[in-house]
């Protein structure tokens, strides 16, 4: 399968919080690192962290970069069904064949720039 399509489908299942389908994307001994919170998960732990996270979610891939045959980087936009919270995740996927063996992720909450930058009058909205 085309790895770009695979990661798009993967992110769809992340938003759906579908543990049984998500499991099929991973090698049994895959590791998932969430660097912002200094956590490393096994596949089973990741499924608990993702699929038991409260609320209903939506998500879409905003960007995919192919680094090599076995490494892809995605930027995903994830938001609550109530649209009261959103975040972006930058994810580095490492594959063996069509199977994920490692993900390094960096999650950031969306929000306003800090007050000190707003007070300086620098920057402008992206969208």
Protein backbone atom coordinates (compact mmCIF):
# COMPACT_ATOMS: atom_id res chain seq x y z
CA UNK A 1 0.00 0.00 0.00
CA UNK A 2 1.11 3.57 -0.62
CA UNK A 3 2.50 4.86 2.69
CA UNK A 4 0.97 8.30 2.20
CA UNK A 5 -2.48 6.76 1.96
CA UNK A 6 -1.66 4.47 4.89
CA UNK A 7 -0.88 7.37 7.23
CA UNK A 8 -4.00 9.25 6.10
CA UNK A 9 -6.08 6.19 7.00
CA UNK A 10 -4.11 5.79 10.25
CA UNK A 11 -4.98 9.36 11.31
CA UNK A 12 -8.64 8.72 10.48
CA UNK A 13 -8.60 5.78 12.90
CA UNK A 14 -6.79 7.85 15.55
CA UNK A 15 -9.64 10.38 15.43
CA UNK A 16 -12.21 7.56 15.54
CA UNK A 17 -10.37 6.05 18.53
CA UNK A 18 -10.78 2.61 16.99
CA UNK A 19 -8.32 0.45 18.95
CA UNK A 20 -8.83 -2.79 17.02
CA UNK A 21 -8.22 -1.15 13.65
CA UNK A 22 -5.34 1.00 14.94
CA UNK A 23 -3.55 -2.10 16.23
CA UNK A 24 -3.31 -3.47 12.67
CA UNK A 25 -1.02 -0.62 11.62
CA UNK A 26 1.71 -1.54 14.14
CA UNK A 27 4.38 -4.16 14.55
CA UNK A 28 3.76 -5.94 17.88
CA UNK A 29 6.93 -4.44 19.40
CA UNK A 30 6.51 -0.92 17.95
CA UNK A 31 7.21 2.05 20.18
CA UNK A 32 5.48 5.42 20.25
CA UNK A 33 7.24 8.42 21.79
CA UNK A 34 5.39 11.55 22.90
CA UNK A 35 8.30 13.90 23.41
CA UNK A 36 6.32 16.86 24.82
CA UNK A 37 5.37 14.80 27.87
CA UNK A 38 8.47 12.55 27.94
CA UNK A 39 6.44 9.34 27.51
CA UNK A 40 7.21 6.16 25.61
CA UNK A 41 4.38 3.71 24.92
CA UNK A 42 4.12 0.13 23.77
CA UNK A 43 1.36 -0.47 21.23
CA UNK A 44 -1.02 -1.62 23.99
CA UNK A 45 -0.26 1.45 26.10
CA UNK A 46 -0.64 3.77 23.12
CA UNK A 47 -4.05 2.31 22.35
CA UNK A 48 -5.18 3.04 25.92
CA UNK A 49 -3.74 6.58 25.81
CA UNK A 50 -5.34 7.35 22.44
CA UNK A 51 -8.58 5.39 22.49
CA UNK A 52 -9.60 6.08 26.07
CA UNK A 53 -8.88 9.81 25.83
CA UNK A 54 -12.14 11.57 26.72
CA UNK A 55 -14.43 13.03 24.10
CA UNK A 56 -15.14 12.63 20.42
CA UNK A 57 -12.52 13.78 17.94
CA UNK A 58 -11.96 14.73 14.34
CA UNK A 59 -8.70 14.96 12.51
CA UNK A 60 -7.11 15.58 9.16
CA UNK A 61 -3.64 15.39 7.75
CA UNK A 62 -2.46 18.82 6.66
CA UNK A 63 0.94 17.80 5.32
CA UNK A 64 2.94 14.69 4.47
CA UNK A 65 6.65 14.65 3.73
CA UNK A 66 8.36 11.52 2.44
CA UNK A 67 11.86 11.35 3.91
CA UNK A 68 12.75 7.90 2.56
CA UNK A 69 11.09 4.61 1.64
CA UNK A 70 10.69 3.88 5.35
CA UNK A 71 10.20 7.32 6.96
CA UNK A 72 7.28 9.73 6.57
CA UNK A 73 6.48 12.91 8.49
CA UNK A 74 2.93 14.15 8.95
CA UNK A 75 1.36 17.27 10.37
CA UNK A 76 -2.15 16.52 11.61
CA UNK A 77 -4.85 18.88 12.86
CA UNK A 78 -7.00 17.29 15.58
CA UNK A 79 -10.06 18.88 17.19
CA UNK A 80 -12.95 17.99 19.47
CA UNK A 81 -16.42 17.30 18.09
CA UNK A 82 -17.61 20.31 20.11
CA UNK A 83 -14.92 22.43 18.41
CA UNK A 84 -13.79 23.90 21.74
CA UNK A 85 -10.26 22.51 21.62
CA UNK A 86 -7.74 21.76 18.88
CA UNK A 87 -4.11 20.83 18.53
CA UNK A 88 -1.51 19.93 15.94
CA UNK A 89 0.73 16.88 15.95
CA UNK A 90 3.96 16.46 14.03
CA UNK A 91 4.67 12.75 13.68
CA UNK A 92 7.72 10.94 12.35
CA UNK A 93 6.67 7.46 11.21
CA UNK A 94 9.22 4.69 10.74
CA UNK A 95 8.09 1.66 8.75
CA UNK A 96 9.23 -1.85 8.00
CA UNK A 97 7.29 -2.66 4.85
CA UNK A 98 3.75 -1.39 5.46
CA UNK A 99 4.00 -1.75 9.24
CA UNK A 100 4.74 1.05 11.71
CA UNK A 101 7.66 0.18 13.97
CA UNK A 102 8.16 3.60 15.59
CA UNK A 103 6.45 6.96 15.87
CA UNK A 104 8.04 10.06 17.38
CA UNK A 105 5.29 12.63 18.01
CA UNK A 106 5.22 16.24 19.08
CA UNK A 107 1.80 17.56 20.15
CA UNK A 108 0.97 21.22 20.64
CA UNK A 109 -2.28 22.82 21.73
CA UNK A 110 -3.63 25.48 19.39
CA UNK A 111 -4.21 28.90 20.87
CA UNK A 112 -3.40 32.56 20.82
CA UNK A 113 0.18 33.79 20.81
CA UNK A 114 1.48 34.69 24.25
CA UNK A 115 0.57 38.14 25.49
CA UNK A 116 4.15 39.43 25.38
CA UNK A 117 4.28 38.84 21.59
CA UNK A 118 0.82 40.30 21.04
CA UNK A 119 1.97 43.37 22.98
CA UNK A 120 4.95 43.74 20.62
CA UNK A 121 2.61 43.77 17.61
CA UNK A 122 4.71 41.20 15.77
CA UNK A 123 3.54 38.37 13.56
CA UNK A 124 0.24 37.91 11.78
CA UNK A 125 -2.39 35.20 11.58
CA UNK A 126 -1.66 32.31 9.22
CA UNK A 127 -5.37 31.78 8.46
